[in-house]
Amino acid sequence: MKLKLDLHDIYNNSREIDRALNGIIQEAVRVKATQVEIIPGKGSGQLKKKVLRFLEQKEIKALYHRIDKDAKNHGRLFVYFQWK
């Protein structure tokens, strides 16, 4: 199962971004998703940096397997999960 989160609509609301990121990660854990696609958009790169900082938090990092940045579209990230 793959989940998708587009942050275009809430790009300027820090609290809402954190809530959306936390929600999509918790949903991925709940349904045992294999991949989450996060779209911070291209812009200046600040939102992407915020997303990466969120994903690097110790308690969040423990939940997923790895992160890939899309080679063809720098406004998109993939978070992969491994379930046993």
N, C-alpha and C. Protein backbone atom coordinates (compact mmCIF):
# COMPACT_ATOMS: atom_id res chain seq x y z
N MET A 1 0.84 -1.18 0.00
CA MET A 1 0.00 0.00 0.00
C MET A 1 0.89 1.24 0.00
N LYS A 2 0.49 2.23 -0.79
CA LYS A 2 1.22 3.48 -0.88
C LYS A 2 0.32 4.62 -0.42
N LEU A 3 0.89 5.54 0.35
CA LEU A 3 0.16 6.72 0.80
C LEU A 3 0.82 7.95 0.21
N LYS A 4 0.06 9.03 0.11
CA LYS A 4 0.56 10.25 -0.51
C LYS A 4 0.15 11.46 0.33
N LEU A 5 1.09 12.40 0.51
CA LEU A 5 0.81 13.64 1.24
C LEU A 5 1.32 14.81 0.43
N ASP A 6 0.42 15.70 0.03
CA ASP A 6 0.78 16.90 -0.72
C ASP A 6 0.71 18.10 0.23
N LEU A 7 1.82 18.78 0.39
CA LEU A 7 1.89 19.90 1.35
C LEU A 7 1.68 21.26 0.70
N HIS A 8 1.29 21.31 -0.56
CA HIS A 8 1.11 22.58 -1.25
C HIS A 8 0.10 23.51 -0.56
N ASP A 9 -0.98 22.95 -0.07
CA ASP A 9 -2.05 23.77 0.50
C ASP A 9 -1.71 24.36 1.86
N ILE A 10 -0.75 23.75 2.58
CA ILE A 10 -0.45 24.22 3.94
C ILE A 10 1.01 24.64 4.09
N TYR A 11 1.63 25.03 3.00
CA TYR A 11 3.06 25.32 2.99
C TYR A 11 3.50 26.40 3.98
N ASN A 12 2.62 27.29 4.38
CA ASN A 12 3.00 28.40 5.27
C ASN A 12 2.45 28.25 6.69
N ASN A 13 2.00 27.06 7.07
CA ASN A 13 1.45 26.83 8.40
C ASN A 13 2.25 25.71 9.08
N SER A 14 3.24 26.09 9.85
CA SER A 14 4.19 25.15 10.44
C SER A 14 3.51 24.09 11.31
N ARG A 15 2.57 24.50 12.13
CA ARG A 15 1.88 23.57 13.02
C ARG A 15 1.07 22.55 12.22
N GLU A 16 0.42 23.01 11.17
CA GLU A 16 -0.39 22.13 10.32
C GLU A 16 0.50 21.15 9.54
N ILE A 17 1.68 21.60 9.13
CA ILE A 17 2.63 20.73 8.42
C ILE A 17 3.08 19.61 9.35
N ASP A 18 3.45 19.96 10.57
CA ASP A 18 3.87 18.94 11.54
C ASP A 18 2.74 17.94 11.81
N ARG A 19 1.52 18.44 11.93
CA ARG A 19 0.37 17.58 12.18
C ARG A 19 0.14 16.64 11.00
N ALA A 20 0.25 17.16 9.79
CA ALA A 20 0.03 16.34 8.59
C ALA A 20 1.12 15.28 8.45
N LEU A 21 2.39 15.66 8.69
CA LEU A 21 3.49 14.71 8.59
C LEU A 21 3.35 13.60 9.63
N ASN A 22 3.06 14.00 10.85
CA ASN A 22 2.88 13.02 11.92
C ASN A 22 1.71 12.09 11.60
N GLY A 23 0.63 12.66 11.08
CA GLY A 23 -0.54 11.87 10.74
C GLY A 23 -0.27 10.85 9.65
N ILE A 24 0.46 11.24 8.60
CA ILE A 24 0.72 10.31 7.50
C ILE A 24 1.68 9.20 7.93
N ILE A 25 2.64 9.50 8.79
CA ILE A 25 3.56 8.47 9.28
C ILE A 25 2.80 7.49 10.18
N GLN A 26 1.96 8.01 11.07
CA GLN A 26 1.18 7.14 11.95
C GLN A 26 0.20 6.28 11.15
N GLU A 27 -0.39 6.86 10.10
CA GLU A 27 -1.29 6.10 9.24
C GLU A 27 -0.53 4.99 8.52
N ALA A 28 0.68 5.29 8.05
CA ALA A 28 1.51 4.28 7.37
C ALA A 28 1.83 3.12 8.31
N VAL A 29 2.12 3.43 9.56
CA VAL A 29 2.41 2.39 10.55
C VAL A 29 1.15 1.58 10.83
N ARG A 30 0.03 2.26 10.95
CA ARG A 30 -1.24 1.59 11.27
C ARG A 30 -1.65 0.60 10.17
N VAL A 31 -1.53 1.01 8.90
CA VAL A 31 -1.98 0.15 7.80
C VAL A 31 -0.83 -0.66 7.20
N LYS A 32 0.37 -0.52 7.79
CA LYS A 32 1.57 -1.21 7.31
C LYS A 32 1.83 -0.90 5.83
N ALA A 33 1.84 0.38 5.50
CA ALA A 33 2.12 0.83 4.14
C ALA A 33 3.59 0.56 3.81
N THR A 34 3.88 0.34 2.55
CA THR A 34 5.26 0.11 2.14
C THR A 34 5.95 1.40 1.73
N GLN A 35 5.16 2.41 1.34
CA GLN A 35 5.75 3.65 0.84
C GLN A 35 4.83 4.83 1.14
N VAL A 36 5.45 5.96 1.49
CA VAL A 36 4.73 7.22 1.62
C VAL A 36 5.41 8.22 0.69
N GLU A 37 4.63 8.85 -0.16
CA GLU A 37 5.14 9.89 -1.05
C GLU A 37 4.77 11.23 -0.42
N ILE A 38 5.79 12.06 -0.18
CA ILE A 38 5.56 13.38 0.40
C ILE A 38 5.97 14.41 -0.65
N ILE A 39 5.05 15.35 -0.94
CA ILE A 39 5.30 16.35 -1.96
C ILE A 39 5.38 17.73 -1.31
N PRO A 40 6.60 18.18 -0.99
CA PRO A 40 6.74 19.53 -0.44
C PRO A 40 6.73 20.59 -1.55
N GLY A 41 6.93 20.19 -2.79
CA GLY A 41 6.98 21.13 -3.90
C GLY A 41 8.41 21.62 -4.13
N LYS A 42 8.61 22.31 -5.22
CA LYS A 42 9.96 22.73 -5.60
C LYS A 42 10.37 24.00 -4.86
N GLY A 43 9.73 25.08 -5.09
CA GLY A 43 9.97 26.34 -4.38
C GLY A 43 11.41 26.62 -4.02
N SER A 44 11.63 27.23 -2.86
CA SER A 44 12.97 27.60 -2.42
C SER A 44 13.68 26.45 -1.71
N GLY A 45 12.96 25.40 -1.39
CA GLY A 45 13.56 24.25 -0.72
C GLY A 45 13.41 24.27 0.79
N GLN A 46 12.84 25.32 1.35
CA GLN A 46 12.69 25.42 2.80
C GLN A 46 11.73 24.39 3.36
N LEU A 47 10.64 24.16 2.65
CA LEU A 47 9.65 23.18 3.11
C LEU A 47 10.23 21.77 3.05
N LYS A 48 11.00 21.48 2.01
CA LYS A 48 11.64 20.17 1.90
C LYS A 48 12.61 19.96 3.05
N LYS A 49 13.36 21.01 3.40
CA LYS A 49 14.29 20.92 4.54
C LYS A 49 13.54 20.67 5.84
N LYS A 50 12.40 21.32 6.00
CA LYS A 50 11.58 21.11 7.20
C LYS A 50 11.09 19.67 7.27
N VAL A 51 10.64 19.13 6.13
CA VAL A 51 10.17 17.74 6.08
C VAL A 51 11.32 16.79 6.44
N LEU A 52 12.50 17.03 5.88
CA LEU A 52 13.65 16.16 6.18
C LEU A 52 14.05 16.25 7.66
N ARG A 53 13.99 17.45 8.23
CA ARG A 53 14.28 17.59 9.68
C ARG A 53 13.27 16.82 10.50
N PHE A 54 11.99 16.88 10.11
CA PHE A 54 10.95 16.12 10.80
C PHE A 54 11.25 14.63 10.74
N LEU A 55 11.60 14.14 9.55
CA LEU A 55 11.86 12.72 9.37
C LEU A 55 13.13 12.25 10.08
N GLU A 56 14.05 13.15 10.37
CA GLU A 56 15.29 12.79 11.06
C GLU A 56 15.14 12.74 12.58
N GLN A 57 13.99 13.12 13.10
CA GLN A 57 13.78 13.02 14.54
C GLN A 57 13.90 11.56 14.98
N LYS A 58 14.52 11.35 16.12
CA LYS A 58 14.83 10.00 16.60
C LYS A 58 13.59 9.09 16.64
N GLU A 59 12.49 9.58 17.20
CA GLU A 59 11.30 8.74 17.36
C GLU A 59 10.61 8.47 16.01
N ILE A 60 10.75 9.38 15.05
CA ILE A 60 10.16 9.17 13.72
C ILE A 60 11.06 8.25 12.89
N LYS A 61 12.36 8.49 12.97
CA LYS A 61 13.32 7.70 12.19
C LYS A 61 13.25 6.21 12.53
N ALA A 62 12.88 5.89 13.76
CA ALA A 62 12.77 4.50 14.18
C ALA A 62 11.61 3.77 13.49
N LEU A 63 10.69 4.51 12.89
CA LEU A 63 9.49 3.91 12.29
C LEU A 63 9.67 3.49 10.84
N TYR A 64 10.59 4.13 10.11
CA TYR A 64 10.72 3.83 8.69
C TYR A 64 12.08 3.23 8.36
N HIS A 65 12.20 2.69 7.14
CA HIS A 65 13.42 2.02 6.71
C HIS A 65 14.41 2.98 6.04
N ARG A 66 13.94 3.76 5.05
CA ARG A 66 14.83 4.68 4.35
C ARG A 66 14.03 5.77 3.64
N ILE A 67 14.77 6.81 3.21
CA ILE A 67 14.18 7.93 2.47
C ILE A 67 14.89 8.03 1.13
N ASP A 68 14.14 8.27 0.06
CA ASP A 68 14.72 8.54 -1.26
C ASP A 68 14.20 9.88 -1.74
N LYS A 69 15.08 10.64 -2.37
CA LYS A 69 14.68 11.87 -3.03
C LYS A 69 14.50 11.53 -4.50
N ASP A 70 13.40 11.95 -5.08
CA ASP A 70 13.12 11.65 -6.48
C ASP A 70 14.18 12.31 -7.37
N ALA A 71 14.86 11.52 -8.19
CA ALA A 71 15.94 12.02 -9.05
C ALA A 71 15.40 12.93 -10.16
N LYS A 72 14.18 12.69 -10.60
CA LYS A 72 13.62 13.47 -11.72
C LYS A 72 12.82 14.68 -11.26
N ASN A 73 12.40 14.68 -10.00
CA ASN A 73 11.56 15.77 -9.49
C ASN A 73 12.01 16.08 -8.07
N HIS A 74 12.79 17.15 -7.89
CA HIS A 74 13.33 17.45 -6.56
C HIS A 74 12.29 17.96 -5.58
N GLY A 75 11.05 18.06 -5.99
CA GLY A 75 9.96 18.47 -5.10
C GLY A 75 9.18 17.30 -4.54
N ARG A 76 9.84 16.12 -4.49
CA ARG A 76 9.12 14.93 -4.04
C ARG A 76 10.08 14.01 -3.28
N LEU A 77 9.57 13.44 -2.18
CA LEU A 77 10.34 12.50 -1.35
C LEU A 77 9.56 11.20 -1.20
N PHE A 78 10.29 10.11 -1.06
CA PHE A 78 9.67 8.82 -0.80
C PHE A 78 10.20 8.28 0.51
N VAL A 79 9.31 7.84 1.37
CA VAL A 79 9.68 7.23 2.64
C VAL A 79 9.25 5.77 2.55
N TYR A 80 10.22 4.86 2.75
CA TYR A 80 9.94 3.44 2.62
C TYR A 80 9.92 2.76 3.99
N PHE A 81 8.99 1.84 4.13
CA PHE A 81 8.83 1.08 5.37
C PHE A 81 9.09 -0.39 5.09
N GLN A 82 9.63 -1.10 6.08
CA GLN A 82 9.82 -2.54 5.99
C GLN A 82 9.09 -3.18 7.17
N TRP A 83 8.25 -4.14 6.85
CA TRP A 83 7.50 -4.84 7.90
C TRP A 83 7.90 -6.30 7.92
N LYS A 84 8.03 -6.85 9.10
CA LYS A 84 8.42 -8.26 9.23
C LYS A 84 7.23 -9.14 9.42
